[in-house]
PDB file of N, CA and C in Angstrom:
ATOM      1  N   MET A   1     -62.590  32.152   5.768  1.00  0.00           N
ATOM      2  CA  MET A   1     -62.095  31.038   6.517  1.00  0.00           C
ATOM      3  C   MET A   1     -63.147  29.886   6.354  1.00  0.00           C
ATOM      4  N   PRO A   2     -62.613  28.685   5.906  1.00  0.00           N
ATOM      5  CA  PRO A   2     -63.562  27.618   5.784  1.00  0.00           C
ATOM      6  C   PRO A   2     -64.109  27.100   7.076  1.00  0.00           C
ATOM      7  N   GLU A   3     -65.255  26.451   6.952  1.00  0.00           N
ATOM      8  CA  GLU A   3     -65.879  25.833   8.177  1.00  0.00           C
ATOM      9  C   GLU A   3     -65.869  24.346   8.012  1.00  0.00           C
ATOM     10  N   ALA A   4     -65.860  23.649   9.104  1.00  0.00           N
ATOM     11  CA  ALA A   4     -65.958  22.181   9.200  1.00  0.00           C
ATOM     12  C   ALA A   4     -66.842  21.896  10.370  1.00  0.00           C
ATOM     13  N   GLY A   5     -67.905  21.121  10.071  1.00  0.00           N
ATOM     14  CA  GLY A   5     -68.698  20.606  11.208  1.00  0.00           C
ATOM     15  C   GLY A   5     -68.008  19.548  11.954  1.00  0.00           C
ATOM     16  N   VAL A   6     -68.476  19.232  13.121  1.00  0.00           N
ATOM     17  CA  VAL A   6     -67.883  18.174  13.955  1.00  0.00           C
ATOM     18  C   VAL A   6     -67.813  16.875  13.169  1.00  0.00           C
ATOM     19  N   ARG A   7     -68.850  16.492  12.507  1.00  0.00           N
ATOM     20  CA  ARG A   7     -68.888  15.216  11.756  1.00  0.00           C
ATOM     21  C   ARG A   7     -67.895  15.257  10.689  1.00  0.00           C
ATOM     22  N   GLU A   8     -67.762  16.359   9.907  1.00  0.00           N
ATOM     23  CA  GLU A   8     -66.852  16.503   8.840  1.00  0.00           C
ATOM     24  C   GLU A   8     -65.406  16.435   9.400  1.00  0.00           C
ATOM     25  N   LEU A   9     -65.149  17.112  10.559  1.00  0.00           N
ATOM     26  CA  LEU A   9     -63.831  17.102  11.170  1.00  0.00           C
ATOM     27  C   LEU A   9     -63.472  15.680  11.548  1.00  0.00           C
ATOM     28  N   LYS A  10     -64.385  14.936  12.109  1.00  0.00           N
ATOM     29  CA  LYS A  10     -64.155  13.592  12.526  1.00  0.00           C
ATOM     30  C   LYS A  10     -63.803  12.682  11.271  1.00  0.00           C
ATOM     31  N   ALA A  11     -64.504  12.887  10.226  1.00  0.00           N
ATOM     32  CA  ALA A  11     -64.371  11.996   9.060  1.00  0.00           C
ATOM     33  C   ALA A  11     -63.049  12.456   8.233  1.00  0.00           C
ATOM     34  N   GLN A  12     -62.683  13.652   8.182  1.00  0.00           N
ATOM     35  CA  GLN A  12     -61.638  14.212   7.493  1.00  0.00           C
ATOM     36  C   GLN A  12     -60.481  14.788   8.270  1.00  0.00           C
ATOM     37  N   ALA A  13     -60.301  14.347   9.499  1.00  0.00           N
ATOM     38  CA  ALA A  13     -59.358  15.003  10.387  1.00  0.00           C
ATOM     39  C   ALA A  13     -57.921  14.984   9.764  1.00  0.00           C
ATOM     40  N   SER A  14     -57.451  13.923   9.235  1.00  0.00           N
ATOM     41  CA  SER A  14     -56.111  13.855   8.628  1.00  0.00           C
ATOM     42  C   SER A  14     -55.969  14.942   7.623  1.00  0.00           C
ATOM     43  N   GLN A  15     -56.891  15.032   6.669  1.00  0.00           N
ATOM     44  CA  GLN A  15     -56.798  15.978   5.537  1.00  0.00           C
ATOM     45  C   GLN A  15     -56.849  17.453   6.074  1.00  0.00           C
ATOM     46  N   ILE A  16     -57.805  17.669   6.987  1.00  0.00           N
ATOM     47  CA  ILE A  16     -57.979  19.044   7.556  1.00  0.00           C
ATOM     48  C   ILE A  16     -56.705  19.448   8.296  1.00  0.00           C
ATOM     49  N   VAL A  17     -56.111  18.596   9.120  1.00  0.00           N
ATOM     50  CA  VAL A  17     -54.913  18.939   9.831  1.00  0.00           C
ATOM     51  C   VAL A  17     -53.772  19.142   8.886  1.00  0.00           C
ATOM     52  N   ARG A  18     -53.723  18.309   7.810  1.00  0.00           N
ATOM     53  CA  ARG A  18     -52.673  18.515   6.785  1.00  0.00           C
ATOM     54  C   ARG A  18     -52.787  19.932   6.174  1.00  0.00           C
ATOM     55  N   TRP A  19     -53.878  20.378   5.827  1.00  0.00           N
ATOM     56  CA  TRP A  19     -54.171  21.654   5.230  1.00  0.00           C
ATOM     57  C   TRP A  19     -53.773  22.712   6.157  1.00  0.00           C
ATOM     58  N   VAL A  20     -54.139  22.552   7.439  1.00  0.00           N
ATOM     59  CA  VAL A  20     -53.729  23.572   8.443  1.00  0.00           C
ATOM     60  C   VAL A  20     -52.193  23.646   8.573  1.00  0.00           C
ATOM     61  N   ARG A  21     -51.532  22.450   8.559  1.00  0.00           N
ATOM     62  CA  ARG A  21     -50.136  22.466   8.740  1.00  0.00           C
ATOM     63  C   ARG A  21     -49.442  22.982   7.448  1.00  0.00           C
ATOM     64  N   GLU A  22     -49.780  22.457   6.328  1.00  0.00           N
ATOM     65  CA  GLU A  22     -49.028  22.826   5.117  1.00  0.00           C
ATOM     66  C   GLU A  22     -49.485  24.026   4.408  1.00  0.00           C
ATOM     67  N   ARG A  23     -50.752  24.405   4.411  1.00  0.00           N
ATOM     68  CA  ARG A  23     -51.272  25.501   3.704  1.00  0.00           C
ATOM     69  C   ARG A  23     -51.554  26.681   4.594  1.00  0.00           C
ATOM     70  N   LYS A  24     -51.397  26.429   5.943  1.00  0.00           N
ATOM     71  CA  LYS A  24     -51.636  27.538   6.956  1.00  0.00           C
ATOM     72  C   LYS A  24     -53.139  27.927   6.894  1.00  0.00           C
ATOM     73  N   THR A  25     -54.062  27.005   6.540  1.00  0.00           N
ATOM     74  CA  THR A  25     -55.436  27.301   6.471  1.00  0.00           C
ATOM     75  C   THR A  25     -55.982  27.273   7.925  1.00  0.00           C
ATOM     76  N   ARG A  26     -56.946  28.203   8.181  1.00  0.00           N
ATOM     77  CA  ARG A  26     -57.635  28.232   9.451  1.00  0.00           C
ATOM     78  C   ARG A  26     -59.075  27.700   9.191  1.00  0.00           C
ATOM     79  N   TYR A  27     -59.575  26.941  10.164  1.00  0.00           N
ATOM     80  CA  TYR A  27     -60.902  26.470  10.030  1.00  0.00           C
ATOM     81  C   TYR A  27     -61.722  26.884  11.249  1.00  0.00           C
ATOM     82  N   ILE A  28     -63.017  27.216  10.974  1.00  0.00           N
ATOM     83  CA  ILE A  28     -63.975  27.415  12.024  1.00  0.00           C
ATOM     84  C   ILE A  28     -64.616  26.093  12.136  1.00  0.00           C
ATOM     85  N   ILE A  29     -64.659  25.517  13.445  1.00  0.00           N
ATOM     86  CA  ILE A  29     -65.316  24.284  13.722  1.00  0.00           C
ATOM     87  C   ILE A  29     -66.650  24.647  14.212  1.00  0.00           C
ATOM     88  N   THR A  30     -67.652  23.980  13.693  1.00  0.00           N
ATOM     89  CA  THR A  30     -69.064  24.249  14.040  1.00  0.00           C
ATOM     90  C   THR A  30     -69.728  22.991  14.623  1.00  0.00           C
ATOM     91  N   TYR A  31     -70.669  23.264  15.443  1.00  0.00           N
ATOM     92  CA  TYR A  31     -71.439  22.215  16.135  1.00  0.00           C
ATOM     93  C   TYR A  31     -72.926  22.643  15.907  1.00  0.00           C
ATOM     94  N   ARG A  32     -73.696  21.852  15.177  1.00  0.00           N
ATOM     95  CA  ARG A  32     -75.068  22.144  14.802  1.00  0.00           C
ATOM     96  C   ARG A  32     -75.140  23.567  14.116  1.00  0.00           C
ATOM     97  N   GLY A  33     -74.182  23.787  13.275  1.00  0.00           N
ATOM     98  CA  GLY A  33     -74.214  25.027  12.536  1.00  0.00           C
ATOM     99  C   GLY A  33     -73.655  26.279  13.189  1.00  0.00           C
ATOM    100  N   ARG A  34     -73.336  26.165  14.482  1.00  0.00           N
ATOM    101  CA  ARG A  34     -72.846  27.338  15.279  1.00  0.00           C
ATOM    102  C   ARG A  34     -71.367  27.105  15.492  1.00  0.00           C
ATOM    103  N   PRO A  35     -70.615  28.257  15.250  1.00  0.00           N
ATOM    104  CA  PRO A  35     -69.108  28.196  15.460  1.00  0.00           C
ATOM    105  C   PRO A  35     -68.806  27.904  16.967  1.00  0.00           C
ATOM    106  N   VAL A  36     -67.904  26.993  17.260  1.00  0.00           N
ATOM    107  CA  VAL A  36     -67.458  26.658  18.608  1.00  0.00           C
ATOM    108  C   VAL A  36     -66.018  26.691  18.867  1.00  0.00           C
ATOM    109  N   ALA A  37     -65.228  26.642  17.755  1.00  0.00           N
ATOM    110  CA  ALA A  37     -63.729  26.630  17.877  1.00  0.00           C
ATOM    111  C   ALA A  37     -63.087  27.110  16.631  1.00  0.00           C
ATOM    112  N   ILE A  38     -61.800  27.391  16.744  1.00  0.00           N
ATOM    113  CA  ILE A  38     -61.032  27.779  15.557  1.00  0.00           C
ATOM    114  C   ILE A  38     -59.819  26.762  15.543  1.00  0.00           C
ATOM    115  N   LEU A  39     -59.607  26.155  14.441  1.00  0.00           N
ATOM    116  CA  LEU A  39     -58.417  25.297  14.296  1.00  0.00           C
ATOM    117  C   LEU A  39     -57.407  26.086  13.381  1.00  0.00           C
ATOM    118  N   LEU A  40     -56.221  26.402  13.948  1.00  0.00           N
ATOM    119  CA  LEU A  40     -55.320  27.266  13.254  1.00  0.00           C
ATOM    120  C   LEU A  40     -53.842  26.772  13.465  1.00  0.00           C
ATOM    121  N   PRO A  41     -52.984  27.084  12.545  1.00  0.00           N
ATOM    122  CA  PRO A  41     -51.586  26.733  12.754  1.00  0.00           C
ATOM    123  C   PRO A  41     -51.024  27.237  14.071  1.00  0.00           C
ATOM    124  N   LEU A  42     -50.204  26.486  14.730  1.00  0.00           N
ATOM    125  CA  LEU A  42     -49.645  26.845  15.983  1.00  0.00           C
ATOM    126  C   LEU A  42     -48.896  28.134  15.998  1.00  0.00           C
ATOM    127  N   GLU A  43     -48.181  28.424  14.776  1.00  0.00           N
ATOM    128  CA  GLU A  43     -47.480  29.677  14.748  1.00  0.00           C
ATOM    129  C   GLU A  43     -48.373  30.863  14.740  1.00  0.00           C
ATOM    130  N   SER A  44     -49.679  30.669  14.350  1.00  0.00           N
ATOM    131  CA  SER A  44     -50.639  31.771  14.373  1.00  0.00           C
ATOM    132  C   SER A  44     -51.269  31.982  15.683  1.00  0.00           C
ATOM    133  N   ALA A  45     -51.173  31.036  16.566  1.00  0.00           N
ATOM    134  CA  ALA A  45     -51.845  31.115  17.836  1.00  0.00           C
ATOM    135  C   ALA A  45     -51.349  32.263  18.673  1.00  0.00           C
ATOM    136  N   PRO A  46     -52.306  32.980  19.313  1.00  0.00           N
ATOM    137  CA  PRO A  46     -51.850  34.110  20.205  1.00  0.00           C
ATOM    138  C   PRO A  46     -50.841  33.661  21.263  1.00  0.00           C
ATOM    139  N   THR A  47     -49.892  34.462  21.499  1.00  0.00           N
ATOM    140  CA  THR A  47     -48.934  34.118  22.502  1.00  0.00           C
ATOM    141  C   THR A  47     -49.489  34.240  23.883  1.00  0.00           C
ATOM    142  N   GLY A  48     -49.018  33.473  24.814  1.00  0.00           N
ATOM    143  CA  GLY A  48     -49.512  33.579  26.187  1.00  0.00           C
ATOM    144  C   GLY A  48     -50.725  32.658  26.453  1.00  0.00           C
ATOM    145  N   GLY A  49     -51.420  32.236  25.412  1.00  0.00           N
ATOM    146  CA  GLY A  49     -52.596  31.446  25.624  1.00  0.00           C
ATOM    147  C   GLY A  49     -52.435  29.986  25.311  1.00  0.00           C
ATOM    148  N   ALA A  50     -51.290  29.682  24.666  1.00  0.00           N
ATOM    149  CA  ALA A  50     -51.089  28.204  24.302  1.00  0.00           C
ATOM    150  C   ALA A  50     -49.842  27.752  24.866  1.00  0.00           C
ATOM    151  N   GLY A  51     -49.762  26.524  25.218  1.00  0.00           N
ATOM    152  CA  GLY A  51     -48.532  25.887  25.747  1.00  0.00           C
ATOM    153  C   GLY A  51     -48.319  26.215  27.224  1.00  0.00           C
ATOM    154  N   PRO A  52     -47.222  25.575  27.776  1.00  0.00           N
ATOM    155  CA  PRO A  52     -47.037  25.651  29.183  1.00  0.00           C
ATOM    156  C   PRO A  52     -46.793  27.068  29.682  1.00  0.00           C
ATOM    157  N   ALA A  53     -46.169  27.978  29.022  1.00  0.00           N
ATOM    158  CA  ALA A  53     -45.951  29.333  29.445  1.00  0.00           C
ATOM    159  C   ALA A  53     -47.318  29.990  29.762  1.00  0.00           C
ATOM    160  N   GLY A  54     -48.268  29.916  28.834  1.00  0.00           N
ATOM    161  CA  GLY A  54     -49.518  30.453  28.989  1.00  0.00           C
ATOM    162  C   GLY A  54     -50.327  29.880  30.123  1.00  0.00           C
ATOM    163  N   GLU A  55     -50.117  28.548  30.316  1.00  0.00           N
ATOM    164  CA  GLU A  55     -50.854  27.893  31.439  1.00  0.00           C
ATOM    165  C   GLU A  55     -50.283  28.318  32.750  1.00  0.00           C
ATOM    166  N   GLU A  56     -48.971  28.536  32.872  1.00  0.00           N
ATOM    167  CA  GLU A  56     -48.318  28.982  34.106  1.00  0.00           C
ATOM    168  C   GLU A  56     -48.777  30.433  34.480  1.00  0.00           C
ATOM    169  N   SER A  57     -48.927  31.268  33.514  1.00  0.00           N
ATOM    170  CA  SER A  57     -49.295  32.631  33.753  1.00  0.00           C
ATOM    171  C   SER A  57     -50.816  32.627  34.177  1.00  0.00           C
ATOM    172  N   ALA A  58     -51.606  31.752  33.551  1.00  0.00           N
ATOM    173  CA  ALA A  58     -52.982  31.763  33.928  1.00  0.00           C
ATOM    174  C   ALA A  58     -53.133  31.236  35.430  1.00  0.00           C
ATOM    175  N   TRP A  59     -52.356  30.217  35.759  1.00  0.00           N
ATOM    176  CA  TRP A  59     -52.372  29.729  37.153  1.00  0.00           C
ATOM    177  C   TRP A  59     -51.897  30.823  38.097  1.00  0.00           C
ATOM    178  N   ARG A  60     -50.855  31.555  37.754  1.00  0.00           N
ATOM    179  CA  ARG A  60     -50.405  32.608  38.633  1.00  0.00           C
ATOM    180  C   ARG A  60     -51.473  33.661  38.804  1.00  0.00           C
ATOM    181  N   GLU A  61     -52.135  34.026  37.763  1.00  0.00           N
ATOM    182  CA  GLU A  61     -53.250  34.969  37.876  1.00  0.00           C
ATOM    183  C   GLU A  61     -54.406  34.485  38.761  1.00  0.00           C
ATOM    184  N   LEU A  62     -54.738  33.193  38.662  1.00  0.00           N
ATOM    185  CA  LEU A  62     -55.731  32.635  39.607  1.00  0.00           C
ATOM    186  C   LEU A  62     -55.277  32.636  41.021  1.00  0.00           C
ATOM    187  N   GLU A  63     -54.079  32.313  41.218  1.00  0.00           N
ATOM    188  CA  GLU A  63     -53.477  32.337  42.626  1.00  0.00           C
ATOM    189  C   GLU A  63     -53.558  33.799  43.174  1.00  0.00           C
ATOM    190  N   ARG A  64     -53.161  34.762  42.352  1.00  0.00           N
ATOM    191  CA  ARG A  64     -53.137  36.125  42.806  1.00  0.00           C
ATOM    192  C   ARG A  64     -54.606  36.532  43.091  1.00  0.00           C
ATOM    193  N   LEU A  65     -55.528  36.233  42.286  1.00  0.00           N
ATOM    194  CA  LEU A  65     -56.953  36.560  42.528  1.00  0.00           C
ATOM    195  C   LEU A  65     -57.500  35.885  43.778  1.00  0.00           C
ATOM    196  N   GLY A  66     -57.062  34.614  43.995  1.00  0.00           N
ATOM    197  CA  GLY A  66     -57.525  33.872  45.161  1.00  0.00           C
ATOM    198  C   GLY A  66     -56.966  34.578  46.484  1.00  0.00           C
ATOM    199  N   ALA A  67     -55.721  34.996  46.410  1.00  0.00           N
ATOM    200  CA  ALA A  67     -55.148  35.764  47.576  1.00  0.00           C
ATOM    201  C   ALA A  67     -55.865  37.064  47.821  1.00  0.00           C
ATOM    202  N   LEU A  68     -56.230  37.811  46.751  1.00  0.00           N
ATOM    203  CA  LEU A  68     -56.925  39.018  46.929  1.00  0.00           C
ATOM    204  C   LEU A  68     -58.367  38.812  47.461  1.00  0.00           C
ATOM    205  N   ILE A  69     -59.054  37.840  47.034  1.00  0.00           N
ATOM    206  CA  ILE A  69     -60.300  37.493  47.561  1.00  0.00           C
ATOM    207  C   ILE A  69     -60.184  37.059  49.058  1.00  0.00           C
ATOM    208  N   GLY A  70     -59.155  36.337  49.320  1.00  0.00           N
ATOM    209  CA  GLY A  70     -58.919  35.828  50.747  1.00  0.00           C
ATOM    210  C   GLY A  70     -58.700  37.006  51.706  1.00  0.00           C
ATOM    211  N   LYS A  71     -58.049  38.100  51.232  1.00  0.00           N
ATOM    212  CA  LYS A  71     -57.770  39.200  52.101  1.00  0.00           C
ATOM    213  C   LYS A  71     -59.051  39.896  52.553  1.00  0.00           C
ATOM    214  N   GLY A  72     -60.112  39.937  51.638  1.00  0.00           N
ATOM    215  CA  GLY A  72     -61.386  40.555  51.984  1.00  0.00           C
ATOM    216  C   GLY A  72     -62.396  39.641  52.505  1.00  0.00           C
ATOM    217  N   TRP A  73     -62.041  38.419  52.756  1.00  0.00           N
ATOM    218  CA  TRP A  73     -63.036  37.350  53.193  1.00  0.00           C
ATOM    219  C   TRP A  73     -63.572  37.657  54.646  1.00  0.00           C
ATOM    220  N   ARG A  74     -64.867  37.844  54.791  1.00  0.00           N
ATOM    221  CA  ARG A  74     -65.462  38.227  55.979  1.00  0.00           C
ATOM    222  C   ARG A  74     -66.378  37.179  56.622  1.00  0.00           C
ATOM    223  N   ALA A  75     -66.517  36.001  55.929  1.00  0.00           N
ATOM    224  CA  ALA A  75     -67.413  34.969  56.376  1.00  0.00           C
ATOM    225  C   ALA A  75     -66.862  34.278  57.637  1.00  0.00           C
ATOM    226  N   PRO A  76     -67.800  33.754  58.551  1.00  0.00           N
ATOM    227  CA  PRO A  76     -67.332  33.077  59.737  1.00  0.00           C
ATOM    228  C   PRO A  76     -66.696  31.686  59.420  1.00  0.00           C
ATOM    229  N   VAL A  77     -66.770  31.191  58.231  1.00  0.00           N
ATOM    230  CA  VAL A  77     -66.113  29.950  57.887  1.00  0.00           C
ATOM    231  C   VAL A  77     -65.173  30.163  56.777  1.00  0.00           C
ATOM    232  N   SER A  78     -64.142  29.323  56.543  1.00  0.00           N
ATOM    233  CA  SER A  78     -63.287  29.511  55.419  1.00  0.00           C
ATOM    234  C   SER A  78     -63.945  29.130  54.126  1.00  0.00           C
ATOM    235  N   SER A  79     -63.255  29.575  52.991  1.00  0.00           N
ATOM    236  CA  SER A  79     -63.854  29.229  51.685  1.00  0.00           C
ATOM    237  C   SER A  79     -63.922  27.770  51.474  1.00  0.00           C
ATOM    238  N   ALA A  80     -62.958  26.968  51.950  1.00  0.00           N
ATOM    239  CA  ALA A  80     -62.938  25.538  51.808  1.00  0.00           C
ATOM    240  C   ALA A  80     -64.117  24.909  52.520  1.00  0.00           C
ATOM    241  N   GLU A  81     -64.383  25.364  53.736  1.00  0.00           N
ATOM    242  CA  GLU A  81     -65.527  24.912  54.489  1.00  0.00           C
ATOM    243  C   GLU A  81     -66.847  25.245  53.834  1.00  0.00           C
ATOM    244  N   LEU A  82     -66.904  26.469  53.322  1.00  0.00           N
ATOM    245  CA  LEU A  82     -68.202  26.895  52.581  1.00  0.00           C
ATOM    246  C   LEU A  82     -68.420  25.991  51.400  1.00  0.00           C
ATOM    247  N   LEU A  83     -67.340  25.748  50.566  1.00  0.00           N
ATOM    248  CA  LEU A  83     -67.493  24.899  49.387  1.00  0.00           C
ATOM    249  C   LEU A  83     -67.919  23.435  49.805  1.00  0.00           C
ATOM    250  N   SER A  84     -67.276  22.987  50.833  1.00  0.00           N
ATOM    251  CA  SER A  84     -67.599  21.639  51.306  1.00  0.00           C
ATOM    252  C   SER A  84     -69.064  21.519  51.792  1.00  0.00           C
ATOM    253  N   GLU A  85     -69.593  22.594  52.345  1.00  0.00           N
ATOM    254  CA  GLU A  85     -70.923  22.580  52.881  1.00  0.00           C
ATOM    255  C   GLU A  85     -71.885  22.655  51.700  1.00  0.00           C
ATOM    256  N   MET A  86     -71.509  23.410  50.683  1.00  0.00           N
ATOM    257  CA  MET A  86     -72.323  23.534  49.486  1.00  0.00           C
ATOM    258  C   MET A  86     -72.436  22.218  48.731  1.00  0.00           C
ATOM    259  N   ARG A  87     -71.448  21.371  48.774  1.00  0.00           N
ATOM    260  CA  ARG A  87     -71.445  20.174  47.961  1.00  0.00           C
ATOM    261  C   ARG A  87     -72.335  19.040  48.673  1.00  0.00           C
ATOM    262  N   ARG A  88     -72.700  19.261  49.874  1.00  0.00           N
ATOM    263  CA  ARG A  88     -73.430  18.258  50.550  1.00  0.00           C
ATOM    264  C   ARG A  88     -74.863  18.260  50.149  1.00  0.00           C
TER     265      ARG A  88
END
C-alpha cells in the first residue's frame, strides 16, 4: 500500500483521490513518518463505521452505555453537576 505524507497529500490531493477512485488504490497517510490514517475507496470501507447508519449506531451505543452508567451512579450529585464543577 503506497504512503503519502501530509504535505504530499496536500500538494497532490486531486491525483491521489483520482487514483483511489479509479484504480481502487489505498493510501496510508503519514504525519512525520508515522501512519495516521488510511485513504481507501468508499466501497472498501468497513460497514457500520462510515456514513449516517454507522453514526446512528454509535450514538445508540453511547446512549445505552450512558443509561447503564446512570443506573449504578452513587454520587451525591448528578453527572452533569459533577462535570460542571470540574470545568470551573
